[in-house]
Amino acid sequence: MANVITTYTRDRGAAKANIRYIQERPGRDREKLTRPLFDHAGFIGRHEAYQFIDESAKKGASFRSLMTVL
């Protein structure tokens, strides 16, 4: 059974740090992995995700982070 933890923030820096963590966190065997990022249309790059965060923050958006814990 997995637990899903959800957090919210309005801080752009925290949202970008979460993107970096999601994409670059070590795998189960501590090997270096680079995970793909995606949105509703398909795969995106990290800088595209950052641009989305910057544009959304100007509109007063909050950002949600999901983490699955096994």
PDB file of N, CA and C in Angstrom:
ATOM      1  N   MET A   1       0.848  -1.179   0.000  1.00  0.00           N
ATOM      2  CA  MET A   1       0.000   0.000   0.000  1.00  0.00           C
ATOM      3  C   MET A   1       0.889   1.235   0.000  1.00  0.00           C
ATOM      4  N   ALA A   2       0.529   2.224  -0.771  1.00  0.00           N
ATOM      5  CA  ALA A   2       1.293   3.457  -0.870  1.00  0.00           C
ATOM      6  C   ALA A   2       0.486   4.611  -0.291  1.00  0.00           C
ATOM      7  N   ASN A   3       1.177   5.518   0.344  1.00  0.00           N
ATOM      8  CA  ASN A   3       0.559   6.746   0.839  1.00  0.00           C
ATOM      9  C   ASN A   3       0.972   7.887  -0.074  1.00  0.00           C
ATOM     10  N   VAL A   4       0.051   8.762  -0.383  1.00  0.00           N
ATOM     11  CA  VAL A   4       0.340   9.925  -1.205  1.00  0.00           C
ATOM     12  C   VAL A   4       0.278  11.158  -0.323  1.00  0.00           C
ATOM     13  N   ILE A   5       1.356  11.921  -0.337  1.00  0.00           N
ATOM     14  CA  ILE A   5       1.441  13.138   0.469  1.00  0.00           C
ATOM     15  C   ILE A   5       1.328  14.328  -0.470  1.00  0.00           C
ATOM     16  N   THR A   6       0.446  15.250  -0.168  1.00  0.00           N
ATOM     17  CA  THR A   6       0.232  16.434  -0.989  1.00  0.00           C
ATOM     18  C   THR A   6       0.564  17.669  -0.178  1.00  0.00           C
ATOM     19  N   THR A   7       1.364  18.563  -0.774  1.00  0.00           N
ATOM     20  CA  THR A   7       1.663  19.849  -0.147  1.00  0.00           C
ATOM     21  C   THR A   7       1.388  20.955  -1.161  1.00  0.00           C
ATOM     22  N   TYR A   8       1.141  22.150  -0.661  1.00  0.00           N
ATOM     23  CA  TYR A   8       0.868  23.311  -1.507  1.00  0.00           C
ATOM     24  C   TYR A   8       1.802  24.447  -1.133  1.00  0.00           C
ATOM     25  N   THR A   9       2.191  25.256  -2.127  1.00  0.00           N
ATOM     26  CA  THR A   9       3.021  26.427  -1.880  1.00  0.00           C
ATOM     27  C   THR A   9       2.715  27.496  -2.926  1.00  0.00           C
ATOM     28  N   ARG A  10       2.983  28.739  -2.589  1.00  0.00           N
ATOM     29  CA  ARG A  10       2.910  29.845  -3.547  1.00  0.00           C
ATOM     30  C   ARG A  10       4.308  30.344  -3.904  1.00  0.00           C
ATOM     31  N   ASP A  11       5.321  29.769  -3.279  1.00  0.00           N
ATOM     32  CA  ASP A  11       6.712  30.176  -3.471  1.00  0.00           C
ATOM     33  C   ASP A  11       7.277  29.530  -4.738  1.00  0.00           C
ATOM     34  N   ARG A  12       7.655  30.368  -5.709  1.00  0.00           N
ATOM     35  CA  ARG A  12       8.209  29.857  -6.962  1.00  0.00           C
ATOM     36  C   ARG A  12       9.478  29.051  -6.740  1.00  0.00           C
ATOM     37  N   GLY A  13      10.337  29.516  -5.849  1.00  0.00           N
ATOM     38  CA  GLY A  13      11.585  28.811  -5.572  1.00  0.00           C
ATOM     39  C   GLY A  13      11.344  27.413  -5.037  1.00  0.00           C
ATOM     40  N   ALA A  14      10.373  27.278  -4.148  1.00  0.00           N
ATOM     41  CA  ALA A  14      10.041  25.957  -3.597  1.00  0.00           C
ATOM     42  C   ALA A  14       9.459  25.045  -4.679  1.00  0.00           C
ATOM     43  N   ALA A  15       8.640  25.602  -5.555  1.00  0.00           N
ATOM     44  CA  ALA A  15       8.060  24.799  -6.636  1.00  0.00           C
ATOM     45  C   ALA A  15       9.141  24.318  -7.590  1.00  0.00           C
ATOM     46  N   LYS A  16      10.104  25.182  -7.907  1.00  0.00           N
ATOM     47  CA  LYS A  16      11.200  24.791  -8.795  1.00  0.00           C
ATOM     48  C   LYS A  16      12.111  23.775  -8.124  1.00  0.00           C
ATOM     49  N   ALA A  17      12.345  23.926  -6.831  1.00  0.00           N
ATOM     50  CA  ALA A  17      13.162  22.950  -6.100  1.00  0.00           C
ATOM     51  C   ALA A  17      12.484  21.589  -6.119  1.00  0.00           C
ATOM     52  N   ASN A  18      11.164  21.586  -6.032  1.00  0.00           N
ATOM     53  CA  ASN A  18      10.437  20.324  -6.087  1.00  0.00           C
ATOM     54  C   ASN A  18      10.569  19.673  -7.460  1.00  0.00           C
ATOM     55  N   ILE A  19      10.548  20.471  -8.523  1.00  0.00           N
ATOM     56  CA  ILE A  19      10.748  19.945  -9.879  1.00  0.00           C
ATOM     57  C   ILE A  19      12.124  19.286  -9.977  1.00  0.00           C
ATOM     58  N   ARG A  20      13.162  19.980  -9.483  1.00  0.00           N
ATOM     59  CA  ARG A  20      14.519  19.406  -9.508  1.00  0.00           C
ATOM     60  C   ARG A  20      14.575  18.102  -8.730  1.00  0.00           C
ATOM     61  N   TYR A  21      13.954  18.067  -7.551  1.00  0.00           N
ATOM     62  CA  TYR A  21      13.965  16.868  -6.728  1.00  0.00           C
ATOM     63  C   TYR A  21      13.271  15.707  -7.443  1.00  0.00           C
ATOM     64  N   ILE A  22      12.097  15.965  -7.989  1.00  0.00           N
ATOM     65  CA  ILE A  22      11.351  14.923  -8.678  1.00  0.00           C
ATOM     66  C   ILE A  22      12.168  14.355  -9.841  1.00  0.00           C
ATOM     67  N   GLN A  23      12.822  15.232 -10.585  1.00  0.00           N
ATOM     68  CA  GLN A  23      13.536  14.793 -11.771  1.00  0.00           C
ATOM     69  C   GLN A  23      14.872  14.126 -11.450  1.00  0.00           C
ATOM     70  N   GLU A  24      15.557  14.539 -10.380  1.00  0.00           N
ATOM     71  CA  GLU A  24      16.921  14.078 -10.159  1.00  0.00           C
ATOM     72  C   GLU A  24      17.149  13.245  -8.905  1.00  0.00           C
ATOM     73  N   ARG A  25      16.121  12.920  -8.147  1.00  0.00           N
ATOM     74  CA  ARG A  25      16.371  12.167  -6.919  1.00  0.00           C
ATOM     75  C   ARG A  25      16.951  10.806  -7.259  1.00  0.00           C
ATOM     76  N   PRO A  26      17.802  10.265  -6.385  1.00  0.00           N
ATOM     77  CA  PRO A  26      18.431   8.970  -6.654  1.00  0.00           C
ATOM     78  C   PRO A  26      17.401   7.844  -6.716  1.00  0.00           C
ATOM     79  N   GLY A  27      17.751   6.796  -7.441  1.00  0.00           N
ATOM     80  CA  GLY A  27      16.887   5.624  -7.539  1.00  0.00           C
ATOM     81  C   GLY A  27      17.012   4.759  -6.297  1.00  0.00           C
ATOM     82  N   ARG A  28      16.371   3.624  -6.316  1.00  0.00           N
ATOM     83  CA  ARG A  28      16.371   2.737  -5.151  1.00  0.00           C
ATOM     84  C   ARG A  28      17.759   2.255  -4.775  1.00  0.00           C
ATOM     85  N   ASP A  29      18.615   2.063  -5.757  1.00  0.00           N
ATOM     86  CA  ASP A  29      19.981   1.597  -5.495  1.00  0.00           C
ATOM     87  C   ASP A  29      20.971   2.755  -5.427  1.00  0.00           C
ATOM     88  N   ARG A  30      20.473   3.961  -5.220  1.00  0.00           N
ATOM     89  CA  ARG A  30      21.259   5.190  -5.135  1.00  0.00           C
ATOM     90  C   ARG A  30      21.935   5.566  -6.455  1.00  0.00           C
ATOM     91  N   GLU A  31      21.502   4.934  -7.559  1.00  0.00           N
ATOM     92  CA  GLU A  31      22.065   5.296  -8.850  1.00  0.00           C
ATOM     93  C   GLU A  31      21.467   6.618  -9.315  1.00  0.00           C
ATOM     94  N   LYS A  32      22.213   7.337 -10.135  1.00  0.00           N
ATOM     95  CA  LYS A  32      21.750   8.621 -10.630  1.00  0.00           C
ATOM     96  C   LYS A  32      20.741   8.395 -11.752  1.00  0.00           C
ATOM     97  N   LEU A  33      19.576   8.982 -11.612  1.00  0.00           N
ATOM     98  CA  LEU A  33      18.524   8.886 -12.618  1.00  0.00           C
ATOM     99  C   LEU A  33      18.066  10.278 -13.008  1.00  0.00           C
ATOM    100  N   THR A  34      17.656  10.442 -14.227  1.00  0.00           N
ATOM    101  CA  THR A  34      16.995  11.667 -14.661  1.00  0.00           C
ATOM    102  C   THR A  34      15.631  11.255 -15.184  1.00  0.00           C
ATOM    103  N   ARG A  35      14.605  11.606 -14.433  1.00  0.00           N
ATOM    104  CA  ARG A  35      13.248  11.211 -14.788  1.00  0.00           C
ATOM    105  C   ARG A  35      12.618  12.231 -15.725  1.00  0.00           C
ATOM    106  N   PRO A  36      11.750  11.773 -16.617  1.00  0.00           N
ATOM    107  CA  PRO A  36      11.080  12.715 -17.519  1.00  0.00           C
ATOM    108  C   PRO A  36       9.990  13.491 -16.773  1.00  0.00           C
ATOM    109  N   LEU A  37       9.736  14.686 -17.236  1.00  0.00           N
ATOM    110  CA  LEU A  37       8.643  15.515 -16.726  1.00  0.00           C
ATOM    111  C   LEU A  37       7.565  15.557 -17.799  1.00  0.00           C
ATOM    112  N   PHE A  38       6.327  15.741 -17.385  1.00  0.00           N
ATOM    113  CA  PHE A  38       5.251  15.803 -18.362  1.00  0.00           C
ATOM    114  C   PHE A  38       4.133  16.701 -17.858  1.00  0.00           C
ATOM    115  N   ASP A  39       3.335  17.189 -18.803  1.00  0.00           N
ATOM    116  CA  ASP A  39       2.129  17.949 -18.480  1.00  0.00           C
ATOM    117  C   ASP A  39       0.962  17.285 -19.213  1.00  0.00           C
ATOM    118  N   HIS A  40      -0.147  17.977 -19.323  1.00  0.00           N
ATOM    119  CA  HIS A  40      -1.331  17.387 -19.941  1.00  0.00           C
ATOM    120  C   HIS A  40      -1.129  17.053 -21.424  1.00  0.00           C
ATOM    121  N   ALA A  41      -0.158  17.695 -22.076  1.00  0.00           N
ATOM    122  CA  ALA A  41       0.062  17.487 -23.509  1.00  0.00           C
ATOM    123  C   ALA A  41       1.160  16.470 -23.807  1.00  0.00           C
ATOM    124  N   GLY A  42       1.939  16.091 -22.819  1.00  0.00           N
ATOM    125  CA  GLY A  42       3.024  15.140 -23.045  1.00  0.00           C
ATOM    126  C   GLY A  42       4.283  15.541 -22.291  1.00  0.00           C
ATOM    127  N   PHE A  43       5.409  15.076 -22.772  1.00  0.00           N
ATOM    128  CA  PHE A  43       6.680  15.334 -22.104  1.00  0.00           C
ATOM    129  C   PHE A  43       7.119  16.778 -22.275  1.00  0.00           C
ATOM    130  N   ILE A  44       7.734  17.334 -21.217  1.00  0.00           N
ATOM    131  CA  ILE A  44       8.274  18.689 -21.251  1.00  0.00           C
ATOM    132  C   ILE A  44       9.657  18.676 -20.615  1.00  0.00           C
ATOM    133  N   GLY A  45      10.430  19.707 -20.899  1.00  0.00           N
ATOM    134  CA  GLY A  45      11.745  19.867 -20.288  1.00  0.00           C
ATOM    135  C   GLY A  45      11.647  20.642 -18.985  1.00  0.00           C
ATOM    136  N   ARG A  46      12.727  20.632 -18.221  1.00  0.00           N
ATOM    137  CA  ARG A  46      12.747  21.330 -16.937  1.00  0.00           C
ATOM    138  C   ARG A  46      12.540  22.827 -17.121  1.00  0.00           C
ATOM    139  N   HIS A  47      13.166  23.414 -18.132  1.00  0.00           N
ATOM    140  CA  HIS A  47      13.028  24.860 -18.329  1.00  0.00           C
ATOM    141  C   HIS A  47      11.614  25.244 -18.746  1.00  0.00           C
ATOM    142  N   GLU A  48      10.940  24.368 -19.449  1.00  0.00           N
ATOM    143  CA  GLU A  48       9.525  24.614 -19.773  1.00  0.00           C
ATOM    144  C   GLU A  48       8.680  24.581 -18.501  1.00  0.00           C
ATOM    145  N   ALA A  49       8.999  23.660 -17.597  1.00  0.00           N
ATOM    146  CA  ALA A  49       8.278  23.597 -16.320  1.00  0.00           C
ATOM    147  C   ALA A  49       8.538  24.868 -15.506  1.00  0.00           C
ATOM    148  N   TYR A  50       9.791  25.336 -15.490  1.00  0.00           N
ATOM    149  CA  TYR A  50      10.128  26.569 -14.784  1.00  0.00           C
ATOM    150  C   TYR A  50       9.366  27.757 -15.368  1.00  0.00           C
ATOM    151  N   GLN A  51       9.290  27.822 -16.691  1.00  0.00           N
ATOM    152  CA  GLN A  51       8.573  28.913 -17.342  1.00  0.00           C
ATOM    153  C   GLN A  51       7.088  28.884 -16.957  1.00  0.00           C
ATOM    154  N   PHE A  52       6.510  27.700 -16.911  1.00  0.00           N
ATOM    155  CA  PHE A  52       5.113  27.560 -16.500  1.00  0.00           C
ATOM    156  C   PHE A  52       4.925  28.062 -15.064  1.00  0.00           C
ATOM    157  N   ILE A  53       5.852  27.718 -14.176  1.00  0.00           N
ATOM    158  CA  ILE A  53       5.778  28.182 -12.787  1.00  0.00           C
ATOM    159  C   ILE A  53       5.851  29.694 -12.727  1.00  0.00           C
ATOM    160  N   ASP A  54       6.794  30.284 -13.456  1.00  0.00           N
ATOM    161  CA  ASP A  54       6.948  31.748 -13.447  1.00  0.00           C
ATOM    162  C   ASP A  54       5.697  32.445 -13.972  1.00  0.00           C
ATOM    163  N   GLU A  55       5.124  31.943 -15.056  1.00  0.00           N
ATOM    164  CA  GLU A  55       3.922  32.565 -15.625  1.00  0.00           C
ATOM    165  C   GLU A  55       2.710  32.395 -14.721  1.00  0.00           C
ATOM    166  N   SER A  56       2.579  31.241 -14.097  1.00  0.00           N
ATOM    167  CA  SER A  56       1.437  30.979 -13.216  1.00  0.00           C
ATOM    168  C   SER A  56       1.527  31.777 -11.929  1.00  0.00           C
ATOM    169  N   ALA A  57       2.747  31.971 -11.419  1.00  0.00           N
ATOM    170  CA  ALA A  57       2.923  32.705 -10.170  1.00  0.00           C
ATOM    171  C   ALA A  57       2.493  34.161 -10.322  1.00  0.00           C
ATOM    172  N   LYS A  58       2.644  34.714 -11.508  1.00  0.00           N
ATOM    173  CA  LYS A  58       2.218  36.092 -11.745  1.00  0.00           C
ATOM    174  C   LYS A  58       0.703  36.230 -11.593  1.00  0.00           C
ATOM    175  N   LYS A  59      -0.005  35.132 -11.774  1.00  0.00           N
ATOM    176  CA  LYS A  59      -1.466  35.143 -11.666  1.00  0.00           C
ATOM    177  C   LYS A  59      -1.940  34.762 -10.263  1.00  0.00           C
ATOM    178  N   GLY A  60      -1.000  34.581  -9.323  1.00  0.00           N
ATOM    179  CA  GLY A  60      -1.363  34.264  -7.948  1.00  0.00           C
ATOM    180  C   GLY A  60      -1.654  32.793  -7.701  1.00  0.00           C
ATOM    181  N   ALA A  61      -1.132  31.925  -8.544  1.00  0.00           N
ATOM    182  CA  ALA A  61      -1.409  30.489  -8.418  1.00  0.00           C
ATOM    183  C   ALA A  61      -0.665  29.873  -7.235  1.00  0.00           C
ATOM    184  N   SER A  62      -1.204  28.781  -6.735  1.00  0.00           N
ATOM    185  CA  SER A  62      -0.483  27.956  -5.767  1.00  0.00           C
ATOM    186  C   SER A  62      -0.091  26.677  -6.490  1.00  0.00           C
ATOM    187  N   PHE A  63       0.974  26.040  -6.021  1.00  0.00           N
ATOM    188  CA  PHE A  63       1.515  24.865  -6.690  1.00  0.00           C
ATOM    189  C   PHE A  63       1.371  23.656  -5.788  1.00  0.00           C
ATOM    190  N   ARG A  64       1.008  22.545  -6.371  1.00  0.00           N
ATOM    191  CA  ARG A  64       0.791  21.311  -5.607  1.00  0.00           C
ATOM    192  C   ARG A  64       1.943  20.345  -5.898  1.00  0.00           C
ATOM    193  N   SER A  65       2.395  19.710  -4.865  1.00  0.00           N
ATOM    194  CA  SER A  65       3.438  18.706  -4.979  1.00  0.00           C
ATOM    195  C   SER A  65       2.895  17.381  -4.452  1.00  0.00           C
ATOM    196  N   LEU A  66       3.082  16.334  -5.212  1.00  0.00           N
ATOM    197  CA  LEU A  66       2.653  15.003  -4.793  1.00  0.00           C
ATOM    198  C   LEU A  66       3.878  14.125  -4.597  1.00  0.00           C
ATOM    199  N   MET A  67       3.888  13.358  -3.534  1.00  0.00           N
ATOM    200  CA  MET A  67       4.959  12.406  -3.299  1.00  0.00           C
ATOM    201  C   MET A  67       4.323  11.098  -2.843  1.00  0.00           C
ATOM    202  N   THR A  68       4.720  10.005  -3.470  1.00  0.00           N
ATOM    203  CA  THR A  68       4.210   8.698  -3.101  1.00  0.00           C
ATOM    204  C   THR A  68       5.217   8.016  -2.195  1.00  0.00           C
ATOM    205  N   VAL A  69       4.767   7.540  -1.051  1.00  0.00           N
ATOM    206  CA  VAL A  69       5.616   6.854  -0.098  1.00  0.00           C
ATOM    207  C   VAL A  69       5.155   5.405  -0.022  1.00  0.00           C
ATOM    208  N   LEU A  70       6.070   4.498  -0.314  1.00  0.00           N
ATOM    209  CA  LEU A  70       5.725   3.070  -0.293  1.00  0.00           C
ATOM    210  C   LEU A  70       5.956   2.482   1.071  1.00  0.00           C
TER     211      LEU A  70
END
